[in-house]
Amino acid sequence: MNFAPAINAKSSVAFGFIDTTSPPYGILAAFNRIKGPKEAVTMPDSDHNNITPQQQGAFFMRSKEVLDSLRTTGDFKPDTGWASH
């Protein structure tokens, strides 16, 4: 949260809605403070990654797209329409 305003790089941030280790309201608060282009990958049925890994499909799919784009073009375009997903 303290360092989020210093982030100017493009960011893809995933968070689970039922995560009690890193609660979504804290992740969303930090996400909102990121200055650079950003996207949120929401996982409504996901707890923390070591508890419900089977619910992280959205993160695995999007992170593969982002990494593939970075490998081939050196860049990626954040999906800013995350709230509609």
N, C-alpha and C. Protein backbone atom coordinates (compact mmCIF):
# COMPACT_ATOMS: atom_id res chain seq x y z
N MET A 1 0.82 -1.19 0.00
CA MET A 1 0.00 0.00 0.00
C MET A 1 0.87 1.26 0.00
N ASN A 2 1.94 1.23 0.80
CA ASN A 2 2.80 2.42 0.90
C ASN A 2 3.56 2.71 -0.39
N PHE A 3 3.92 1.66 -1.12
CA PHE A 3 4.74 1.85 -2.31
C PHE A 3 3.93 1.87 -3.60
N ALA A 4 2.66 1.55 -3.54
CA ALA A 4 1.83 1.49 -4.74
C ALA A 4 1.86 2.79 -5.56
N PRO A 5 1.81 3.97 -4.93
CA PRO A 5 1.84 5.20 -5.73
C PRO A 5 3.13 5.38 -6.53
N ALA A 6 4.19 4.67 -6.16
CA ALA A 6 5.46 4.79 -6.88
C ALA A 6 5.52 3.87 -8.10
N ILE A 7 4.51 3.03 -8.29
CA ILE A 7 4.50 2.09 -9.42
C ILE A 7 4.00 2.82 -10.66
N ASN A 8 4.87 2.95 -11.63
CA ASN A 8 4.52 3.59 -12.90
C ASN A 8 4.52 2.59 -14.05
N ALA A 9 5.00 1.38 -13.80
CA ALA A 9 5.04 0.34 -14.82
C ALA A 9 3.64 -0.22 -15.06
N LYS A 10 3.44 -0.78 -16.23
CA LYS A 10 2.17 -1.47 -16.51
C LYS A 10 2.05 -2.64 -15.54
N SER A 11 0.86 -2.82 -15.02
CA SER A 11 0.66 -3.84 -13.98
C SER A 11 -0.58 -4.68 -14.26
N SER A 12 -0.46 -5.95 -13.94
CA SER A 12 -1.57 -6.88 -13.97
C SER A 12 -1.67 -7.44 -12.55
N VAL A 13 -2.76 -7.14 -11.88
CA VAL A 13 -2.92 -7.49 -10.46
C VAL A 13 -4.09 -8.45 -10.31
N ALA A 14 -3.82 -9.62 -9.74
CA ALA A 14 -4.87 -10.62 -9.52
C ALA A 14 -5.22 -10.66 -8.04
N PHE A 15 -6.52 -10.85 -7.76
CA PHE A 15 -6.91 -11.03 -6.37
C PHE A 15 -8.17 -11.86 -6.25
N GLY A 16 -8.17 -12.69 -5.21
CA GLY A 16 -9.31 -13.55 -4.92
C GLY A 16 -10.28 -12.85 -3.98
N PHE A 17 -11.54 -13.01 -4.27
CA PHE A 17 -12.56 -12.32 -3.47
C PHE A 17 -12.74 -12.91 -2.08
N ILE A 18 -12.33 -14.17 -1.87
CA ILE A 18 -12.50 -14.78 -0.55
C ILE A 18 -11.15 -15.07 0.11
N ASP A 19 -10.14 -14.32 -0.27
CA ASP A 19 -8.80 -14.47 0.28
C ASP A 19 -8.74 -13.79 1.64
N THR A 20 -8.45 -14.57 2.67
CA THR A 20 -8.34 -14.00 4.03
C THR A 20 -6.89 -13.68 4.39
N THR A 21 -5.93 -14.19 3.59
CA THR A 21 -4.52 -13.89 3.83
C THR A 21 -4.17 -12.50 3.29
N SER A 22 -4.60 -12.23 2.08
CA SER A 22 -4.44 -10.92 1.43
C SER A 22 -5.84 -10.47 1.01
N PRO A 23 -6.61 -9.90 1.92
CA PRO A 23 -8.01 -9.57 1.63
C PRO A 23 -8.17 -8.67 0.40
N PRO A 24 -9.22 -8.92 -0.38
CA PRO A 24 -9.41 -8.17 -1.62
C PRO A 24 -9.54 -6.67 -1.42
N TYR A 25 -10.10 -6.24 -0.29
CA TYR A 25 -10.23 -4.79 -0.09
C TYR A 25 -8.86 -4.13 0.06
N GLY A 26 -7.88 -4.83 0.62
CA GLY A 26 -6.53 -4.28 0.72
C GLY A 26 -5.83 -4.26 -0.62
N ILE A 27 -6.01 -5.33 -1.40
CA ILE A 27 -5.40 -5.39 -2.73
C ILE A 27 -6.02 -4.32 -3.63
N LEU A 28 -7.32 -4.17 -3.57
CA LEU A 28 -7.99 -3.16 -4.39
C LEU A 28 -7.58 -1.74 -3.97
N ALA A 29 -7.40 -1.51 -2.68
CA ALA A 29 -6.95 -0.20 -2.21
C ALA A 29 -5.56 0.11 -2.76
N ALA A 30 -4.67 -0.86 -2.71
CA ALA A 30 -3.33 -0.66 -3.27
C ALA A 30 -3.39 -0.50 -4.79
N PHE A 31 -4.21 -1.32 -5.44
CA PHE A 31 -4.39 -1.24 -6.90
C PHE A 31 -4.83 0.17 -7.31
N ASN A 32 -5.75 0.73 -6.59
CA ASN A 32 -6.25 2.07 -6.92
C ASN A 32 -5.19 3.15 -6.78
N ARG A 33 -4.14 2.89 -6.03
CA ARG A 33 -3.07 3.88 -5.84
C ARG A 33 -1.95 3.75 -6.86
N ILE A 34 -1.95 2.68 -7.65
CA ILE A 34 -0.93 2.52 -8.69
C ILE A 34 -1.12 3.60 -9.74
N LYS A 35 -0.05 4.30 -10.06
CA LYS A 35 -0.13 5.42 -11.01
C LYS A 35 -0.10 4.97 -12.46
N GLY A 36 0.62 3.90 -12.76
CA GLY A 36 0.78 3.45 -14.15
C GLY A 36 -0.45 2.75 -14.68
N PRO A 37 -0.45 2.41 -15.97
CA PRO A 37 -1.55 1.65 -16.56
C PRO A 37 -1.68 0.31 -15.84
N LYS A 38 -2.90 -0.10 -15.58
CA LYS A 38 -3.08 -1.29 -14.76
C LYS A 38 -4.35 -2.03 -15.14
N GLU A 39 -4.38 -3.30 -14.76
CA GLU A 39 -5.57 -4.11 -14.93
C GLU A 39 -5.72 -4.98 -13.69
N ALA A 40 -6.94 -5.32 -13.38
CA ALA A 40 -7.22 -6.23 -12.28
C ALA A 40 -7.77 -7.52 -12.85
N VAL A 41 -7.23 -8.63 -12.37
CA VAL A 41 -7.73 -9.95 -12.75
C VAL A 41 -8.48 -10.47 -11.53
N THR A 42 -9.79 -10.46 -11.62
CA THR A 42 -10.60 -10.84 -10.47
C THR A 42 -10.89 -12.34 -10.48
N MET A 43 -10.85 -12.91 -9.29
CA MET A 43 -11.11 -14.34 -9.11
C MET A 43 -12.14 -14.50 -7.99
N PRO A 44 -13.43 -14.42 -8.33
CA PRO A 44 -14.49 -14.41 -7.32
C PRO A 44 -14.50 -15.62 -6.39
N ASP A 45 -14.12 -16.79 -6.87
CA ASP A 45 -14.20 -17.99 -6.04
C ASP A 45 -12.85 -18.43 -5.48
N SER A 46 -11.86 -17.55 -5.53
CA SER A 46 -10.52 -17.93 -5.11
C SER A 46 -10.18 -17.39 -3.73
N ASP A 47 -9.64 -18.28 -2.92
CA ASP A 47 -9.05 -17.91 -1.64
C ASP A 47 -7.57 -17.66 -1.94
N HIS A 48 -6.69 -17.83 -0.98
CA HIS A 48 -5.26 -17.62 -1.22
C HIS A 48 -4.73 -18.76 -2.08
N ASN A 49 -3.68 -18.53 -2.84
CA ASN A 49 -3.25 -19.47 -3.88
C ASN A 49 -2.91 -20.86 -3.38
N ASN A 50 -2.51 -21.03 -2.16
CA ASN A 50 -2.16 -22.37 -1.69
C ASN A 50 -3.38 -23.14 -1.18
N ILE A 51 -4.54 -22.50 -1.13
CA ILE A 51 -5.74 -23.15 -0.62
C ILE A 51 -6.68 -23.56 -1.75
N THR A 52 -6.89 -22.69 -2.73
CA THR A 52 -7.81 -23.00 -3.83
C THR A 52 -7.16 -22.74 -5.19
N PRO A 53 -6.06 -23.43 -5.51
CA PRO A 53 -5.40 -23.17 -6.80
C PRO A 53 -6.29 -23.47 -7.99
N GLN A 54 -7.24 -24.36 -7.85
CA GLN A 54 -8.14 -24.69 -8.96
C GLN A 54 -9.05 -23.54 -9.33
N GLN A 55 -9.16 -22.51 -8.49
CA GLN A 55 -10.01 -21.36 -8.76
C GLN A 55 -9.24 -20.20 -9.40
N GLN A 56 -7.99 -20.42 -9.75
CA GLN A 56 -7.15 -19.35 -10.28
C GLN A 56 -7.02 -19.35 -11.79
N GLY A 57 -7.98 -19.95 -12.48
CA GLY A 57 -7.92 -20.04 -13.93
C GLY A 57 -7.79 -18.69 -14.61
N ALA A 58 -8.52 -17.69 -14.14
CA ALA A 58 -8.46 -16.36 -14.75
C ALA A 58 -7.05 -15.78 -14.67
N PHE A 59 -6.39 -15.96 -13.53
CA PHE A 59 -5.03 -15.46 -13.37
C PHE A 59 -4.07 -16.20 -14.29
N PHE A 60 -4.15 -17.54 -14.31
CA PHE A 60 -3.23 -18.32 -15.14
C PHE A 60 -3.40 -17.98 -16.61
N MET A 61 -4.63 -17.84 -17.06
CA MET A 61 -4.89 -17.51 -18.46
C MET A 61 -4.35 -16.12 -18.81
N ARG A 62 -4.68 -15.12 -17.98
CA ARG A 62 -4.25 -13.75 -18.28
C ARG A 62 -2.74 -13.60 -18.14
N SER A 63 -2.14 -14.21 -17.15
CA SER A 63 -0.69 -14.08 -16.98
C SER A 63 0.04 -14.70 -18.17
N LYS A 64 -0.49 -15.80 -18.72
CA LYS A 64 0.12 -16.39 -19.92
C LYS A 64 0.02 -15.42 -21.10
N GLU A 65 -1.14 -14.77 -21.27
CA GLU A 65 -1.29 -13.79 -22.35
C GLU A 65 -0.30 -12.64 -22.18
N VAL A 66 -0.19 -12.13 -20.96
CA VAL A 66 0.72 -11.01 -20.69
C VAL A 66 2.17 -11.42 -20.96
N LEU A 67 2.57 -12.57 -20.44
CA LEU A 67 3.95 -13.02 -20.65
C LEU A 67 4.25 -13.31 -22.11
N ASP A 68 3.30 -13.92 -22.82
CA ASP A 68 3.50 -14.16 -24.25
C ASP A 68 3.66 -12.85 -25.01
N SER A 69 2.85 -11.85 -24.67
CA SER A 69 2.95 -10.54 -25.32
C SER A 69 4.29 -9.89 -25.00
N LEU A 70 4.73 -9.98 -23.76
CA LEU A 70 6.02 -9.40 -23.39
C LEU A 70 7.17 -10.10 -24.12
N ARG A 71 7.07 -11.41 -24.27
CA ARG A 71 8.12 -12.16 -24.97
C ARG A 71 8.18 -11.80 -26.45
N THR A 72 7.04 -11.63 -27.07
CA THR A 72 7.03 -11.40 -28.52
C THR A 72 7.16 -9.93 -28.91
N THR A 73 6.59 -9.02 -28.10
CA THR A 73 6.60 -7.61 -28.48
C THR A 73 7.36 -6.72 -27.50
N GLY A 74 7.64 -7.23 -26.30
CA GLY A 74 8.30 -6.42 -25.28
C GLY A 74 7.32 -5.52 -24.54
N ASP A 75 6.02 -5.72 -24.76
CA ASP A 75 5.00 -4.86 -24.16
C ASP A 75 3.70 -5.65 -23.98
N PHE A 76 2.79 -5.12 -23.20
CA PHE A 76 1.43 -5.66 -23.13
C PHE A 76 0.48 -4.52 -22.86
N LYS A 77 -0.75 -4.72 -23.27
CA LYS A 77 -1.76 -3.69 -23.08
C LYS A 77 -2.69 -4.11 -21.94
N PRO A 78 -2.68 -3.38 -20.81
CA PRO A 78 -3.59 -3.72 -19.72
C PRO A 78 -5.04 -3.64 -20.15
N ASP A 79 -5.81 -4.61 -19.72
CA ASP A 79 -7.25 -4.63 -19.96
C ASP A 79 -7.91 -3.75 -18.89
N THR A 80 -8.28 -2.56 -19.26
CA THR A 80 -8.84 -1.62 -18.28
C THR A 80 -10.33 -1.81 -18.07
N GLY A 81 -10.95 -2.74 -18.78
CA GLY A 81 -12.38 -2.99 -18.62
C GLY A 81 -12.65 -4.07 -17.60
N TRP A 82 -11.77 -4.24 -16.64
CA TRP A 82 -11.88 -5.33 -15.67
C TRP A 82 -13.16 -5.30 -14.85
N ALA A 83 -13.68 -4.13 -14.58
CA ALA A 83 -14.88 -4.03 -13.73
C ALA A 83 -16.10 -4.66 -14.37
N SER A 84 -16.07 -4.83 -15.68
CA SER A 84 -17.22 -5.41 -16.36
C SER A 84 -17.15 -6.92 -16.46
N HIS A 85 -16.08 -7.55 -15.97
CA HIS A 85 -15.91 -9.01 -16.07
C HIS A 85 -16.67 -9.71 -14.98
